[in-house]
Amino acid sequence: MTAEQLFHLGEEVSAELVRGEFREMAPPGAEHGAVVARLAWRLVQYVEDKDLGVVLVGDVGFQLASDPDTVRGPDLAFVRKDRIPADGIPRGYWPGAPDLAVEVVSPSDRYEDVEERVADYLSAGTRVVWVVSPARRTVTVHRPGTPPALLSASDVLEAEDLLPGFCVRVSELFLS
């Protein structure tokens, strides 16, 4: 399957495309949505106040590779202003990788699948991937060429090189 074929299936289908293979995904649970909303709210405010680029939510498709095509839909993504096309935000899948990809782990997610997503983002050029685990109340920060960093509830999440000055305590991402 190609990215274009996947796109034409419409938004009723929740799926990703991994090296040409169609992978349907179940809708995430309520806790997942709450965590995404809490982080998105903070990121959108910060990015818009500083005019840094665009924050995308709702499993927006990023075409990470072609022939065979890979389209991944992070729970939350950020793209720097200088990478937004001159004609605006694409109507279809974003060509290339986001600068920041966020994956919130659902109870149905398998560890291997999450790791595969992280590897796909990083190999396509994503600068930072945050894997948020509501069950463990942690965030694992992945960057190319460095070991992952595990942050606990009392730690502060930031990406100074990408979002200068943005920070949020990990515990603030989770409901009490």
C-alpha atoms as a PDB file:
ATOM      1  CA  MET A   1       0.000   0.000   0.000  1.00  0.00           C
ATOM      2  CA  THR A   2       1.138   3.567  -0.623  1.00  0.00           C
ATOM      3  CA  ALA A   3       0.750   6.687   1.492  1.00  0.00           C
ATOM      4  CA  GLU A   4      -1.698   8.096  -1.059  1.00  0.00           C
ATOM      5  CA  GLN A   5      -3.873   4.962  -0.888  1.00  0.00           C
ATOM      6  CA  LEU A   6      -3.875   5.148   2.914  1.00  0.00           C
ATOM      7  CA  PHE A   7      -4.843   8.824   2.825  1.00  0.00           C
ATOM      8  CA  HIS A   8      -7.798   8.116   0.551  1.00  0.00           C
ATOM      9  CA  LEU A   9      -9.212   5.570   3.007  1.00  0.00           C
ATOM     10  CA  GLY A  10     -10.332   8.562   5.038  1.00  0.00           C
ATOM     11  CA  GLU A  11     -10.261   9.439   8.694  1.00  0.00           C
ATOM     12  CA  GLU A  12     -12.697   6.695   9.650  1.00  0.00           C
ATOM     13  CA  VAL A  13      -9.781   4.250   9.567  1.00  0.00           C
ATOM     14  CA  SER A  14      -7.186   4.504  12.336  1.00  0.00           C
ATOM     15  CA  ALA A  15      -4.033   3.039  10.827  1.00  0.00           C
ATOM     16  CA  GLU A  16      -0.382   3.544  10.047  1.00  0.00           C
ATOM     17  CA  LEU A  17       1.691   2.364   7.122  1.00  0.00           C
ATOM     18  CA  VAL A  18       4.998   0.681   7.929  1.00  0.00           C
ATOM     19  CA  ARG A  19       7.224  -0.065   4.959  1.00  0.00           C
ATOM     20  CA  GLY A  20       4.139  -0.539   2.787  1.00  0.00           C
ATOM     21  CA  GLU A  21       2.301  -2.692   5.359  1.00  0.00           C
ATOM     22  CA  PHE A  22      -1.140  -1.499   6.522  1.00  0.00           C
ATOM     23  CA  ARG A  23      -1.455  -1.606  10.331  1.00  0.00           C
ATOM     24  CA  GLU A  24      -4.855  -0.876  11.809  1.00  0.00           C
ATOM     25  CA  MET A  25      -4.886   0.572  15.320  1.00  0.00           C
ATOM     26  CA  ALA A  26      -7.565   0.549  17.988  1.00  0.00           C
ATOM     27  CA  PRO A  27      -8.677   3.932  19.337  1.00  0.00           C
ATOM     28  CA  PRO A  28      -6.829   4.812  22.556  1.00  0.00           C
ATOM     29  CA  GLY A  29      -8.507   5.006  25.952  1.00  0.00           C
ATOM     30  CA  ALA A  30      -9.642   8.016  27.935  1.00  0.00           C
ATOM     31  CA  GLU A  31      -6.500   8.296  30.102  1.00  0.00           C
ATOM     32  CA  HIS A  32      -4.417   8.443  26.930  1.00  0.00           C
ATOM     33  CA  GLY A  33      -6.533  11.311  25.614  1.00  0.00           C
ATOM     34  CA  ALA A  34      -6.272  13.236  28.872  1.00  0.00           C
ATOM     35  CA  VAL A  35      -2.463  12.981  28.908  1.00  0.00           C
ATOM     36  CA  VAL A  36      -2.218  14.075  25.263  1.00  0.00           C
ATOM     37  CA  ALA A  37      -4.514  17.038  25.985  1.00  0.00           C
ATOM     38  CA  ARG A  38      -2.526  18.148  29.050  1.00  0.00           C
ATOM     39  CA  LEU A  39       0.774  18.145  27.160  1.00  0.00           C
ATOM     40  CA  ALA A  40      -0.718  19.597  23.957  1.00  0.00           C
ATOM     41  CA  TRP A  41      -2.260  22.487  25.874  1.00  0.00           C
ATOM     42  CA  ARG A  42       1.119  23.410  27.324  1.00  0.00           C
ATOM     43  CA  LEU A  43       2.992  22.991  24.038  1.00  0.00           C
ATOM     44  CA  VAL A  44       0.494  24.919  21.909  1.00  0.00           C
ATOM     45  CA  GLN A  45       0.514  27.884  24.284  1.00  0.00           C
ATOM     46  CA  TYR A  46       4.306  27.951  24.393  1.00  0.00           C
ATOM     47  CA  VAL A  47       4.897  27.463  20.659  1.00  0.00           C
ATOM     48  CA  GLU A  48       2.298  30.061  19.657  1.00  0.00           C
ATOM     49  CA  ASP A  49       3.486  32.627  22.223  1.00  0.00           C
ATOM     50  CA  LYS A  50       7.065  32.264  20.940  1.00  0.00           C
ATOM     51  CA  ASP A  51       6.061  31.859  17.238  1.00  0.00           C
ATOM     52  CA  LEU A  52       8.235  28.740  16.952  1.00  0.00           C
ATOM     53  CA  GLY A  53       6.190  26.679  14.506  1.00  0.00           C
ATOM     54  CA  VAL A  54       3.161  24.413  14.706  1.00  0.00           C
ATOM     55  CA  VAL A  55       1.925  21.762  17.142  1.00  0.00           C
ATOM     56  CA  LEU A  56      -0.152  18.965  15.624  1.00  0.00           C
ATOM     57  CA  VAL A  57      -2.434  16.565  17.509  1.00  0.00           C
ATOM     58  CA  GLY A  58      -4.803  13.746  16.597  1.00  0.00           C
ATOM     59  CA  ASP A  59      -2.434  11.193  15.077  1.00  0.00           C
ATOM     60  CA  VAL A  60      -1.539  13.440  12.113  1.00  0.00           C
ATOM     61  CA  GLY A  61       0.261  11.386   9.466  1.00  0.00           C
ATOM     62  CA  PHE A  62       3.924  12.043   8.722  1.00  0.00           C
ATOM     63  CA  GLN A  63       5.318  10.310   5.644  1.00  0.00           C
ATOM     64  CA  LEU A  64       8.681   9.198   6.992  1.00  0.00           C
ATOM     65  CA  ALA A  65       9.794   7.101   4.004  1.00  0.00           C
ATOM     66  CA  SER A  66       8.847   6.293   0.428  1.00  0.00           C
ATOM     67  CA  ASP A  67       8.900   3.203  -1.765  1.00  0.00           C
ATOM     68  CA  PRO A  68       7.905   1.398   0.361  1.00  0.00           C
ATOM     69  CA  ASP A  69       6.006   4.113   2.191  1.00  0.00           C
ATOM     70  CA  THR A  70       5.975   4.593   5.952  1.00  0.00           C
ATOM     71  CA  VAL A  71       3.358   6.879   7.494  1.00  0.00           C
ATOM     72  CA  ARG A  72       3.351   7.284  11.258  1.00  0.00           C
ATOM     73  CA  GLY A  73       0.864   9.238  13.344  1.00  0.00           C
ATOM     74  CA  PRO A  74       2.354  10.481  16.610  1.00  0.00           C
ATOM     75  CA  ASP A  75      -0.067  11.448  19.361  1.00  0.00           C
ATOM     76  CA  LEU A  76       1.470  14.913  19.358  1.00  0.00           C
ATOM     77  CA  ALA A  77       4.071  16.535  17.120  1.00  0.00           C
ATOM     78  CA  PHE A  78       5.930  19.814  16.703  1.00  0.00           C
ATOM     79  CA  VAL A  79       7.407  21.198  13.476  1.00  0.00           C
ATOM     80  CA  ARG A  80       9.683  24.244  13.510  1.00  0.00           C
ATOM     81  CA  LYS A  81       8.492  27.394  11.746  1.00  0.00           C
ATOM     82  CA  ASP A  82      11.317  27.295   9.189  1.00  0.00           C
ATOM     83  CA  ARG A  83      10.145  23.832   8.066  1.00  0.00           C
ATOM     84  CA  ILE A  84       6.541  24.835   7.345  1.00  0.00           C
ATOM     85  CA  PRO A  85       6.102  24.935   3.548  1.00  0.00           C
ATOM     86  CA  ALA A  86       5.708  28.380   1.977  1.00  0.00           C
ATOM     87  CA  ASP A  87       2.188  27.464   0.849  1.00  0.00           C
ATOM     88  CA  GLY A  88       1.188  26.483   4.391  1.00  0.00           C
ATOM     89  CA  ILE A  89       0.434  23.345   6.334  1.00  0.00           C
ATOM     90  CA  PRO A  90      -0.089  20.387   3.977  1.00  0.00           C
ATOM     91  CA  ARG A  91      -3.650  19.125   3.473  1.00  0.00           C
ATOM     92  CA  GLY A  92      -2.380  15.547   3.248  1.00  0.00           C
ATOM     93  CA  TYR A  93       0.371  13.803   5.170  1.00  0.00           C
ATOM     94  CA  TRP A  94       3.296  15.919   6.275  1.00  0.00           C
ATOM     95  CA  PRO A  95       6.280  15.133   4.036  1.00  0.00           C
ATOM     96  CA  GLY A  96       9.126  14.048   6.305  1.00  0.00           C
ATOM     97  CA  ALA A  97       9.515  13.749  10.041  1.00  0.00           C
ATOM     98  CA  PRO A  98       8.381  16.088  12.802  1.00  0.00           C
ATOM     99  CA  ASP A  99      11.072  17.796  14.880  1.00  0.00           C
ATOM    100  CA  LEU A 100       9.403  16.449  18.038  1.00  0.00           C
ATOM    101  CA  ALA A 101       7.217  13.348  18.160  1.00  0.00           C
ATOM    102  CA  VAL A 102       5.281  12.325  21.267  1.00  0.00           C
ATOM    103  CA  GLU A 103       3.928   8.827  21.798  1.00  0.00           C
ATOM    104  CA  VAL A 104       1.661   8.232  24.793  1.00  0.00           C
ATOM    105  CA  VAL A 105       1.705   4.534  25.668  1.00  0.00           C
ATOM    106  CA  SER A 106      -1.734   2.904  25.814  1.00  0.00           C
ATOM    107  CA  PRO A 107      -2.461  -0.286  27.763  1.00  0.00           C
ATOM    108  CA  SER A 108      -2.822  -2.137  24.444  1.00  0.00           C
ATOM    109  CA  ASP A 109       0.571  -0.956  23.090  1.00  0.00           C
ATOM    110  CA  ARG A 110       3.320  -3.540  22.860  1.00  0.00           C
ATOM    111  CA  TYR A 111       6.817  -2.436  23.896  1.00  0.00           C
ATOM    112  CA  GLU A 112       8.240  -3.653  20.577  1.00  0.00           C
ATOM    113  CA  ASP A 113       5.762  -1.543  18.606  1.00  0.00           C
ATOM    114  CA  VAL A 114       6.591   1.614  20.565  1.00  0.00           C
ATOM    115  CA  GLU A 115      10.312   1.031  20.089  1.00  0.00           C
ATOM    116  CA  GLU A 116       9.765   0.497  16.356  1.00  0.00           C
ATOM    117  CA  ARG A 117       7.907   3.829  16.124  1.00  0.00           C
ATOM    118  CA  VAL A 118      10.726   5.604  17.980  1.00  0.00           C
ATOM    119  CA  ALA A 119      13.318   4.086  15.634  1.00  0.00           C
ATOM    120  CA  ASP A 120      11.291   5.110  12.571  1.00  0.00           C
ATOM    121  CA  TYR A 121      11.005   8.716  13.777  1.00  0.00           C
ATOM    122  CA  LEU A 122      14.686   9.024  14.646  1.00  0.00           C
ATOM    123  CA  SER A 123      15.907   7.418  11.409  1.00  0.00           C
ATOM    124  CA  ALA A 124      13.675   9.808   9.418  1.00  0.00           C
ATOM    125  CA  GLY A 125      15.173  12.883  11.102  1.00  0.00           C
ATOM    126  CA  THR A 126      13.080  13.561  14.205  1.00  0.00           C
ATOM    127  CA  ARG A 127      15.281  15.379  16.706  1.00  0.00           C
ATOM    128  CA  VAL A 128      13.465  14.330  19.907  1.00  0.00           C
ATOM    129  CA  VAL A 129      10.902  11.635  20.731  1.00  0.00           C
ATOM    130  CA  TRP A 130       9.085  11.680  24.064  1.00  0.00           C
ATOM    131  CA  VAL A 131       7.505   8.370  25.087  1.00  0.00           C
ATOM    132  CA  VAL A 132       5.007   9.111  27.842  1.00  0.00           C
ATOM    133  CA  SER A 133       3.920   6.226  30.070  1.00  0.00           C
ATOM    134  CA  PRO A 134       0.807   6.983  32.135  1.00  0.00           C
ATOM    135  CA  ALA A 135       1.040   3.580  33.861  1.00  0.00           C
ATOM    136  CA  ARG A 136       4.567   4.300  35.112  1.00  0.00           C
ATOM    137  CA  ARG A 137       4.157   8.084  35.280  1.00  0.00           C
ATOM    138  CA  THR A 138       7.399   8.528  33.343  1.00  0.00           C
ATOM    139  CA  VAL A 139       8.674  10.066  30.127  1.00  0.00           C
ATOM    140  CA  THR A 140      11.520   8.514  28.171  1.00  0.00           C
ATOM    141  CA  VAL A 141      13.417  11.007  26.017  1.00  0.00           C
ATOM    142  CA  HIS A 142      14.976   9.612  22.832  1.00  0.00           C
ATOM    143  CA  ARG A 143      17.489  11.481  20.691  1.00  0.00           C
ATOM    144  CA  PRO A 144      19.580  10.245  17.776  1.00  0.00           C
ATOM    145  CA  GLY A 145      22.913   8.747  18.787  1.00  0.00           C
ATOM    146  CA  THR A 146      22.376   8.968  22.557  1.00  0.00           C
ATOM    147  CA  PRO A 147      20.963   6.542  25.116  1.00  0.00           C
ATOM    148  CA  PRO A 148      17.355   7.195  26.172  1.00  0.00           C
ATOM    149  CA  ALA A 149      16.851   9.287  29.311  1.00  0.00           C
ATOM    150  CA  LEU A 150      14.146   8.167  31.751  1.00  0.00           C
ATOM    151  CA  LEU A 151      12.369  10.972  33.607  1.00  0.00           C
ATOM    152  CA  SER A 152      10.251  10.301  36.677  1.00  0.00           C
ATOM    153  CA  ALA A 153       7.326  12.310  38.068  1.00  0.00           C
ATOM    154  CA  SER A 154       9.600  14.742  39.948  1.00  0.00           C
ATOM    155  CA  ASP A 155      11.791  15.486  36.893  1.00  0.00           C
ATOM    156  CA  VAL A 156      11.336  18.339  34.427  1.00  0.00           C
ATOM    157  CA  LEU A 157      10.666  17.643  30.746  1.00  0.00           C
ATOM    158  CA  GLU A 158      12.334  20.003  28.315  1.00  0.00           C
ATOM    159  CA  ALA A 159      13.985  20.166  24.889  1.00  0.00           C
ATOM    160  CA  GLU A 160      16.129  23.265  25.215  1.00  0.00           C
ATOM    161  CA  ASP A 161      17.694  22.997  21.745  1.00  0.00           C
ATOM    162  CA  LEU A 162      14.284  22.661  20.078  1.00  0.00           C
ATOM    163  CA  LEU A 163      11.923  24.564  22.403  1.00  0.00           C
ATOM    164  CA  PRO A 164      14.140  27.019  24.306  1.00  0.00           C
ATOM    165  CA  GLY A 165      12.650  27.790  27.716  1.00  0.00           C
ATOM    166  CA  PHE A 166       9.827  25.232  27.556  1.00  0.00           C
ATOM    167  CA  CYS A 167       9.617  23.005  30.602  1.00  0.00           C
ATOM    168  CA  VAL A 168       6.967  21.036  32.446  1.00  0.00           C
ATOM    169  CA  ARG A 169       7.227  18.821  35.486  1.00  0.00           C
ATOM    170  CA  VAL A 170       6.501  15.243  34.415  1.00  0.00           C
ATOM    171  CA  SER A 171       3.940  14.821  37.217  1.00  0.00           C
ATOM    172  CA  GLU A 172       1.828  17.630  35.655  1.00  0.00           C
ATOM    173  CA  LEU A 173       1.101  15.440  32.621  1.00  0.00           C
ATOM    174  CA  PHE A 174      -0.887  12.915  34.606  1.00  0.00           C
ATOM    175  CA  LEU A 175      -4.204  13.107  36.383  1.00  0.00           C
ATOM    176  CA  SER A 176      -4.062  12.609  40.131  1.00  0.00           C
END
